Structures are given as C-alpha cells and as structure tokens.
Amino acid sequence: MLKLNVGEVAYQRHVNQLELARRTNLSRNTIGKYYNGKLLHIDINIVYRIAKALDVKIDDLLIEEDAPQAERKQ
C-alpha cells in the first residue's frame, strides 16, 4: 500500500500549503488533500506537479506501508 508523504516533504523544505498551491497553480483545497494524504485515488499529474514544485522525485512523495490486516485477507 502506498501513502502520500507530501506534507512531510513540504515541511522539510519549509513550504506551506499556500505556497505549494501558488507554485503548482493548483487550488488550496486540492493541495490540502494531497498535503494531508486524504485521498482514495491520486492523480499522477498532480503528484508530478507537486514533486517539481518541491524539487524532489515522485518517489520522495510516496511511502510504502504494509496493508492493514483486513485488506490482506481480500
């Protein structure tokens, strides 16, 4: 299972949500969802724009986590 790490990476680079929205030309609402990882599905084009704005690779914005026990049984 993959999880977004946008908020942590942005924090490390001293970029808040408003600045990230400005750099990516995305709405503050959209950035907030990616920043907090509150998404069921991601748009890879948005992740790409965020990575470019933070000067990182897309891989840096993703964390691989073990799936919860309930998901493993399915």
Protein backbone atom coordinates (compact mmCIF):
# COMPACT_ATOMS: atom_id res chain seq x y z
CA MET A 1 0.00 0.00 0.00
CA LEU A 2 1.31 3.44 -0.91
CA LYS A 3 0.79 6.56 1.16
CA LEU A 4 1.47 10.16 0.20
CA ASN A 5 4.18 11.99 2.12
CA VAL A 6 3.61 15.46 0.65
CA GLY A 7 3.10 17.24 3.97
CA GLU A 8 6.31 15.91 5.49
CA VAL A 9 8.41 16.67 2.42
CA ALA A 10 6.93 20.17 2.13
CA TYR A 11 7.56 20.79 5.84
CA GLN A 12 11.21 19.71 5.45
CA ARG A 13 11.54 22.16 2.57
CA HIS A 14 9.79 24.97 4.52
CA VAL A 15 6.90 25.17 2.04
CA ASN A 16 3.39 25.62 3.41
CA GLN A 17 0.18 24.68 1.63
CA LEU A 18 -0.49 28.18 0.32
CA GLU A 19 2.98 28.44 -1.20
CA LEU A 20 2.70 24.96 -2.69
CA ALA A 21 -0.65 25.91 -4.25
CA ARG A 22 0.96 29.00 -5.74
CA ARG A 23 3.94 27.05 -7.12
CA THR A 24 1.77 24.34 -8.69
CA ASN A 25 -1.09 26.60 -9.81
CA LEU A 26 -3.50 24.23 -8.04
CA SER A 27 -6.27 25.20 -5.64
CA ARG A 28 -5.56 25.37 -1.93
CA ASN A 29 -8.27 22.75 -1.46
CA THR A 30 -6.56 20.29 -3.82
CA ILE A 31 -3.16 20.87 -2.23
CA GLY A 32 -4.70 20.35 1.21
CA LYS A 33 -5.94 16.90 0.24
CA TYR A 34 -2.56 15.83 -1.12
CA TYR A 35 -0.68 17.54 1.73
CA ASN A 36 -2.67 15.58 4.31
CA GLY A 37 -2.88 12.35 2.29
CA LYS A 38 -6.70 12.34 2.49
CA LEU A 39 -7.29 10.68 -0.87
CA LEU A 40 -8.53 7.33 -2.06
CA HIS A 41 -7.10 7.88 -5.55
CA ILE A 42 -4.35 10.19 -6.71
CA ASP A 43 -3.83 12.00 -9.99
CA ILE A 44 -0.26 11.26 -11.07
CA ASN A 45 -0.12 14.56 -12.95
CA ILE A 46 -0.82 16.44 -9.73
CA VAL A 47 1.80 14.40 -7.86
CA TYR A 48 4.25 15.23 -10.65
CA ARG A 49 3.49 18.97 -10.36
CA ILE A 50 3.93 18.83 -6.58
CA ALA A 51 7.24 16.97 -6.95
CA LYS A 52 8.50 19.57 -9.45
CA ALA A 53 7.41 22.42 -7.16
CA LEU A 54 9.27 20.86 -4.21
CA ASP A 55 12.28 19.92 -6.37
CA VAL A 56 12.05 16.22 -5.46
CA LYS A 57 11.38 12.97 -7.29
CA ILE A 58 7.88 11.48 -7.27
CA ASP A 59 9.30 8.58 -5.24
CA ASP A 60 10.14 11.02 -2.45
CA LEU A 61 6.43 11.78 -2.04
CA LEU A 62 5.39 8.16 -1.60
CA ILE A 63 5.82 5.81 1.36
CA GLU A 64 5.22 2.10 1.09
CA GLU A 65 3.28 0.74 4.05
CA ASP A 66 2.07 -2.71 4.98
CA ALA A 67 -1.58 -3.18 4.16
CA PRO A 68 -3.94 -3.35 7.17
CA GLN A 69 -4.81 -6.90 8.22
CA ALA A 70 -8.35 -6.69 6.79
CA GLU A 71 -7.03 -5.78 3.33
CA ARG A 72 -4.53 -8.66 3.27
CA LYS A 73 -7.32 -11.25 3.54
CA GLN A 74 -9.15 -9.96 0.44
